Amino acid sequence: MSQNRKVPQRKCVVTNEMKPKKSLIRIVRNKEGEVFVDPTGKKNGRGAYLSRDIEIIAKAEKMNVLSRQLNTEVDSAVYDELRELVTGKQHEK
């Protein structure tokens, strides 16, 4: 039975590719207007998905994609956190 379970697909807001939800990173804006990275993918709020790719994260920051998707200003700290998640190391400023 379990082979038939559909893998949830989500669209990367930069590349517009449909990918399995697990291979994307979710960024959330909650009711209070706070924007944060949601590694669990379960937090309440408006979500946007990005591919786990350092170049795509850079492109998202340059094009301000997340601010448009989430209808709010996205702090550069969110992008730093995304880079950290993808590269697995602290980003130096």
N, C-alpha and C. Protein backbone atom coordinates (compact mmCIF):
# COMPACT_ATOMS: atom_id res chain seq x y z
N MET A 1 0.82 -1.21 0.00
CA MET A 1 0.00 0.00 0.00
C MET A 1 0.86 1.27 0.00
N SER A 2 1.94 1.26 0.76
CA SER A 2 2.69 2.49 0.97
C SER A 2 3.42 3.00 -0.27
N GLN A 3 3.59 2.14 -1.30
CA GLN A 3 4.28 2.62 -2.51
C GLN A 3 3.43 3.66 -3.24
N ASN A 4 2.13 3.61 -3.05
CA ASN A 4 1.24 4.49 -3.79
C ASN A 4 1.10 5.87 -3.18
N ARG A 5 1.73 6.08 -2.01
CA ARG A 5 1.60 7.39 -1.38
C ARG A 5 2.23 8.45 -2.25
N LYS A 6 1.46 9.52 -2.51
CA LYS A 6 2.00 10.58 -3.35
C LYS A 6 3.02 11.39 -2.57
N VAL A 7 4.12 11.70 -3.23
CA VAL A 7 5.12 12.56 -2.61
C VAL A 7 4.63 13.99 -2.81
N PRO A 8 4.49 14.75 -1.71
CA PRO A 8 4.01 16.13 -1.89
C PRO A 8 5.00 16.94 -2.71
N GLN A 9 4.50 17.58 -3.74
CA GLN A 9 5.35 18.40 -4.61
C GLN A 9 5.11 19.87 -4.29
N ARG A 10 6.17 20.65 -4.32
CA ARG A 10 6.05 22.09 -4.13
C ARG A 10 6.89 22.78 -5.19
N LYS A 11 6.55 24.04 -5.45
CA LYS A 11 7.26 24.77 -6.50
C LYS A 11 8.29 25.71 -5.89
N CYS A 12 9.50 25.66 -6.41
CA CYS A 12 10.53 26.61 -6.00
C CYS A 12 10.15 27.98 -6.55
N VAL A 13 10.14 29.01 -5.70
CA VAL A 13 9.68 30.33 -6.12
C VAL A 13 10.66 31.02 -7.06
N VAL A 14 11.88 30.51 -7.16
CA VAL A 14 12.86 31.10 -8.07
C VAL A 14 12.84 30.40 -9.43
N THR A 15 12.95 29.08 -9.42
CA THR A 15 13.07 28.34 -10.68
C THR A 15 11.71 27.90 -11.24
N ASN A 16 10.66 27.99 -10.41
CA ASN A 16 9.33 27.50 -10.77
C ASN A 16 9.31 26.01 -11.11
N GLU A 17 10.27 25.26 -10.60
CA GLU A 17 10.28 23.82 -10.81
C GLU A 17 9.48 23.14 -9.71
N MET A 18 8.74 22.13 -10.08
CA MET A 18 8.06 21.32 -9.07
C MET A 18 9.05 20.28 -8.57
N LYS A 19 9.19 20.20 -7.26
CA LYS A 19 10.13 19.25 -6.65
C LYS A 19 9.47 18.62 -5.44
N PRO A 20 9.99 17.46 -5.00
CA PRO A 20 9.46 16.90 -3.75
C PRO A 20 9.66 17.90 -2.61
N LYS A 21 8.63 18.05 -1.80
CA LYS A 21 8.66 19.03 -0.70
C LYS A 21 9.92 18.87 0.16
N LYS A 22 10.36 17.62 0.37
CA LYS A 22 11.51 17.37 1.24
C LYS A 22 12.81 17.96 0.68
N SER A 23 12.88 18.15 -0.63
CA SER A 23 14.13 18.65 -1.22
C SER A 23 14.16 20.18 -1.28
N LEU A 24 13.12 20.82 -0.76
CA LEU A 24 13.05 22.27 -0.76
C LEU A 24 13.11 22.80 0.67
N ILE A 25 13.42 24.08 0.81
CA ILE A 25 13.42 24.72 2.13
C ILE A 25 12.20 25.64 2.19
N ARG A 26 11.47 25.58 3.29
CA ARG A 26 10.28 26.42 3.44
C ARG A 26 10.60 27.66 4.25
N ILE A 27 10.13 28.79 3.75
CA ILE A 27 10.26 30.06 4.47
C ILE A 27 8.84 30.51 4.77
N VAL A 28 8.60 30.96 5.99
CA VAL A 28 7.24 31.23 6.45
C VAL A 28 7.11 32.66 6.95
N ARG A 29 5.95 33.27 6.65
CA ARG A 29 5.57 34.53 7.30
C ARG A 29 4.35 34.22 8.16
N ASN A 30 4.47 34.47 9.47
CA ASN A 30 3.34 34.18 10.35
C ASN A 30 2.41 35.39 10.46
N LYS A 31 1.35 35.25 11.25
CA LYS A 31 0.35 36.33 11.38
C LYS A 31 0.96 37.62 11.89
N GLU A 32 2.01 37.49 12.69
CA GLU A 32 2.65 38.68 13.26
C GLU A 32 3.56 39.37 12.23
N GLY A 33 3.71 38.75 11.08
CA GLY A 33 4.54 39.35 10.04
C GLY A 33 6.01 38.96 10.15
N GLU A 34 6.34 38.04 11.06
CA GLU A 34 7.73 37.60 11.18
C GLU A 34 8.02 36.59 10.08
N VAL A 35 9.21 36.70 9.49
CA VAL A 35 9.61 35.77 8.45
C VAL A 35 10.75 34.92 8.99
N PHE A 36 10.64 33.61 8.82
CA PHE A 36 11.71 32.74 9.30
C PHE A 36 11.77 31.47 8.48
N VAL A 37 12.91 30.79 8.57
CA VAL A 37 13.11 29.52 7.90
C VAL A 37 12.41 28.44 8.71
N ASP A 38 11.70 27.57 8.03
CA ASP A 38 10.94 26.51 8.69
C ASP A 38 11.47 25.15 8.23
N PRO A 39 12.51 24.65 8.92
CA PRO A 39 13.09 23.37 8.49
C PRO A 39 12.11 22.19 8.59
N THR A 40 11.12 22.29 9.49
CA THR A 40 10.18 21.18 9.66
C THR A 40 9.11 21.20 8.58
N GLY A 41 8.84 22.39 8.01
CA GLY A 41 7.80 22.52 7.01
C GLY A 41 6.40 22.44 7.58
N LYS A 42 6.27 22.60 8.90
CA LYS A 42 4.97 22.42 9.54
C LYS A 42 4.42 23.66 10.24
N LYS A 43 5.19 24.72 10.27
CA LYS A 43 4.73 25.92 11.00
C LYS A 43 3.57 26.59 10.28
N ASN A 44 2.74 27.27 11.06
CA ASN A 44 1.60 27.98 10.48
C ASN A 44 2.07 29.25 9.81
N GLY A 45 1.37 29.61 8.75
CA GLY A 45 1.68 30.86 8.08
C GLY A 45 1.80 30.67 6.58
N ARG A 46 2.05 31.76 5.90
CA ARG A 46 2.22 31.77 4.46
C ARG A 46 3.60 31.24 4.14
N GLY A 47 3.68 30.19 3.34
CA GLY A 47 4.97 29.58 3.05
C GLY A 47 5.42 29.80 1.63
N ALA A 48 6.73 29.86 1.45
CA ALA A 48 7.32 29.89 0.12
C ALA A 48 8.45 28.88 0.14
N TYR A 49 8.70 28.24 -0.99
CA TYR A 49 9.70 27.19 -1.04
C TYR A 49 10.85 27.58 -1.95
N LEU A 50 12.07 27.24 -1.50
CA LEU A 50 13.28 27.50 -2.29
C LEU A 50 14.06 26.21 -2.43
N SER A 51 14.70 26.04 -3.57
CA SER A 51 15.58 24.89 -3.78
C SER A 51 16.78 24.99 -2.85
N ARG A 52 17.31 23.85 -2.44
CA ARG A 52 18.49 23.83 -1.58
C ARG A 52 19.74 24.03 -2.42
N ASP A 53 19.89 25.24 -2.93
CA ASP A 53 20.98 25.55 -3.83
C ASP A 53 21.46 26.97 -3.53
N ILE A 54 22.73 27.09 -3.26
CA ILE A 54 23.29 28.38 -2.84
C ILE A 54 23.08 29.46 -3.91
N GLU A 55 23.15 29.08 -5.18
CA GLU A 55 22.95 30.06 -6.26
C GLU A 55 21.51 30.52 -6.34
N ILE A 56 20.59 29.61 -6.09
CA ILE A 56 19.17 29.97 -6.12
C ILE A 56 18.82 30.88 -4.95
N ILE A 57 19.44 30.63 -3.81
CA ILE A 57 19.22 31.50 -2.65
C ILE A 57 19.75 32.91 -2.94
N ALA A 58 20.93 32.98 -3.56
CA ALA A 58 21.50 34.28 -3.93
C ALA A 58 20.60 35.01 -4.92
N LYS A 59 20.07 34.26 -5.88
CA LYS A 59 19.19 34.85 -6.88
C LYS A 59 17.91 35.35 -6.22
N ALA A 60 17.38 34.57 -5.28
CA ALA A 60 16.15 34.95 -4.57
C ALA A 60 16.37 36.26 -3.82
N GLU A 61 17.56 36.39 -3.21
CA GLU A 61 17.86 37.61 -2.45
C GLU A 61 17.98 38.80 -3.39
N LYS A 62 18.68 38.60 -4.51
CA LYS A 62 18.90 39.68 -5.47
C LYS A 62 17.58 40.15 -6.08
N MET A 63 16.74 39.20 -6.40
CA MET A 63 15.48 39.53 -7.07
C MET A 63 14.36 39.85 -6.09
N ASN A 64 14.64 39.71 -4.79
CA ASN A 64 13.64 40.01 -3.76
C ASN A 64 12.39 39.14 -3.91
N VAL A 65 12.58 37.91 -4.35
CA VAL A 65 11.47 36.99 -4.61
C VAL A 65 10.66 36.71 -3.36
N LEU A 66 11.34 36.46 -2.24
CA LEU A 66 10.61 36.09 -1.02
C LEU A 66 9.75 37.24 -0.51
N SER A 67 10.25 38.46 -0.61
CA SER A 67 9.46 39.61 -0.18
C SER A 67 8.16 39.69 -0.97
N ARG A 68 8.26 39.44 -2.27
CA ARG A 68 7.06 39.47 -3.12
C ARG A 68 6.12 38.31 -2.78
N GLN A 69 6.67 37.12 -2.63
CA GLN A 69 5.86 35.94 -2.36
C GLN A 69 5.14 36.06 -1.02
N LEU A 70 5.82 36.59 -0.03
CA LEU A 70 5.28 36.62 1.33
C LEU A 70 4.64 37.97 1.68
N ASN A 71 4.65 38.88 0.71
CA ASN A 71 4.05 40.21 0.90
C ASN A 71 4.57 40.95 2.11
N THR A 72 5.87 40.85 2.35
CA THR A 72 6.46 41.57 3.48
C THR A 72 7.95 41.72 3.23
N GLU A 73 8.59 42.57 3.99
CA GLU A 73 10.03 42.76 3.86
C GLU A 73 10.75 41.56 4.45
N VAL A 74 11.65 40.96 3.69
CA VAL A 74 12.40 39.81 4.19
C VAL A 74 13.81 40.27 4.58
N ASP A 75 14.15 40.05 5.83
CA ASP A 75 15.44 40.48 6.36
C ASP A 75 16.58 39.66 5.77
N SER A 76 17.76 40.29 5.64
CA SER A 76 18.90 39.56 5.08
C SER A 76 19.34 38.42 6.00
N ALA A 77 18.98 38.49 7.28
CA ALA A 77 19.30 37.41 8.22
C ALA A 77 18.63 36.11 7.79
N VAL A 78 17.45 36.22 7.17
CA VAL A 78 16.75 35.02 6.68
C VAL A 78 17.58 34.36 5.59
N TYR A 79 18.13 35.17 4.70
CA TYR A 79 18.97 34.63 3.63
C TYR A 79 20.26 34.02 4.19
N ASP A 80 20.80 34.67 5.22
CA ASP A 80 21.99 34.10 5.87
C ASP A 80 21.69 32.73 6.44
N GLU A 81 20.51 32.63 7.07
CA GLU A 81 20.11 31.35 7.66
C GLU A 81 19.93 30.29 6.57
N LEU A 82 19.38 30.70 5.44
CA LEU A 82 19.19 29.77 4.32
C LEU A 82 20.55 29.28 3.80
N ARG A 83 21.49 30.23 3.66
CA ARG A 83 22.83 29.84 3.19
C ARG A 83 23.48 28.87 4.16
N GLU A 84 23.28 29.14 5.45
CA GLU A 84 23.82 28.26 6.50
C GLU A 84 23.25 26.85 6.37
N LEU A 85 21.94 26.78 6.15
CA LEU A 85 21.28 25.49 6.00
C LEU A 85 21.84 24.71 4.83
N VAL A 86 22.08 25.41 3.72
CA VAL A 86 22.54 24.74 2.50
C VAL A 86 24.01 24.35 2.58
N THR A 87 24.83 25.27 3.08
CA THR A 87 26.27 25.00 3.11
C THR A 87 26.68 24.27 4.38
N GLY A 88 25.85 24.37 5.42
CA GLY A 88 26.16 23.71 6.67
C GLY A 88 27.20 24.43 7.51
N LYS A 89 27.43 25.71 7.20
CA LYS A 89 28.38 26.46 8.02
C LYS A 89 27.92 27.90 8.22
N GLN A 90 28.44 28.53 9.24
CA GLN A 90 28.13 29.92 9.55
C GLN A 90 28.61 30.81 8.44
N HIS A 91 27.80 31.80 8.07
CA HIS A 91 28.18 32.74 7.02
C HIS A 91 28.85 33.96 7.64
N GLU A 92 30.02 34.28 7.19
CA GLU A 92 30.76 35.42 7.75
C GLU A 92 30.25 36.71 7.11
N LYS A 93 30.15 37.76 7.91
CA LYS A 93 29.73 39.07 7.38
C LYS A 93 30.92 40.00 7.35
